[in-house]
């Protein structure tokens, strides 16, 4: 596996697509919208990574992913 870190099971990362996160955790849609990512319903945006979407909207992807991971643990 080299120097690549293993992803924690069930943990969301900024390299995941919106579609993959929303499919597994549909409740995260509210968080995306609250944070200003209203484009999650757009077919093209669904293929984007969280990091790419955040960059396009001047949102810190690390903070967003942290918030999402806290929410899905509940």
Protein backbone atom coordinates (compact mmCIF):
# COMPACT_ATOMS: atom_id res chain seq x y z
CA UNK A 1 0.00 0.00 0.00
CA UNK A 2 3.05 2.28 0.14
CA UNK A 3 2.94 5.57 2.01
CA UNK A 4 -0.74 6.04 1.32
CA UNK A 5 -2.82 6.15 4.48
CA UNK A 6 -5.70 3.74 4.76
CA UNK A 7 -9.06 5.43 4.91
CA UNK A 8 -10.89 4.86 8.19
CA UNK A 9 -13.96 2.75 7.63
CA UNK A 10 -16.99 4.99 7.26
CA UNK A 11 -14.95 8.18 7.28
CA UNK A 12 -15.67 10.82 4.65
CA UNK A 13 -12.68 12.39 2.90
CA UNK A 14 -12.40 15.45 0.69
CA UNK A 15 -11.36 13.20 -2.22
CA UNK A 16 -14.77 11.51 -2.28
CA UNK A 17 -17.43 12.61 -4.74
CA UNK A 18 -20.62 14.30 -3.62
CA UNK A 19 -22.55 11.41 -5.16
CA UNK A 20 -20.74 8.74 -3.16
CA UNK A 21 -21.23 10.60 0.11
CA UNK A 22 -24.88 11.42 -0.53
CA UNK A 23 -25.66 7.86 -1.60
CA UNK A 24 -24.29 6.42 1.64
CA UNK A 25 -25.30 9.31 3.93
CA UNK A 26 -28.28 11.20 2.42
CA UNK A 27 -28.59 13.26 5.60
CA UNK A 28 -25.36 15.06 4.65
CA UNK A 29 -27.29 17.01 1.98
CA UNK A 30 -28.43 19.42 4.69
CA UNK A 31 -24.83 20.10 5.71
CA UNK A 32 -23.71 20.73 2.15
CA UNK A 33 -26.55 23.20 1.62
CA UNK A 34 -25.98 24.95 4.99
CA UNK A 35 -22.33 25.42 4.05
CA UNK A 36 -23.19 27.05 0.71
CA UNK A 37 -22.88 24.08 -1.64
CA UNK A 38 -26.32 24.42 -3.19
CA UNK A 39 -25.08 22.85 -6.40
CA UNK A 40 -25.21 19.29 -5.05
CA UNK A 41 -28.32 18.63 -7.12
CA UNK A 42 -26.48 19.43 -10.36
CA UNK A 43 -25.56 16.28 -12.34
CA UNK A 44 -22.04 17.58 -13.07
CA UNK A 45 -21.41 18.51 -9.44
CA UNK A 46 -22.30 14.99 -8.37
CA UNK A 47 -19.16 13.76 -10.17
CA UNK A 48 -16.96 16.34 -8.42
CA UNK A 49 -14.99 15.66 -5.30
CA UNK A 50 -15.87 17.51 -2.15
CA UNK A 51 -12.50 19.25 -2.40
CA UNK A 52 -13.20 20.50 -5.95
CA UNK A 53 -16.65 21.76 -5.02
CA UNK A 54 -15.29 23.54 -1.97
CA UNK A 55 -12.54 25.21 -4.00
CA UNK A 56 -15.12 26.48 -6.49
CA UNK A 57 -17.10 28.07 -3.64
CA UNK A 58 -14.20 29.29 -1.46
CA UNK A 59 -15.03 26.82 1.32
CA UNK A 60 -12.42 25.08 3.45
CA UNK A 61 -12.77 21.39 2.50
CA UNK A 62 -11.03 20.12 5.64
CA UNK A 63 -13.45 21.95 7.94
CA UNK A 64 -16.43 20.76 5.92
CA UNK A 65 -15.29 17.13 5.98
CA UNK A 66 -14.67 17.39 9.72
CA UNK A 67 -18.23 18.69 10.24
CA UNK A 68 -19.67 15.91 8.08
CA UNK A 69 -17.74 13.19 9.90
CA UNK A 70 -18.94 14.50 13.27
CA UNK A 71 -22.53 14.47 12.01
CA UNK A 72 -22.45 10.92 10.65
CA UNK A 73 -21.01 9.55 13.91
CA UNK A 74 -24.19 10.60 15.74
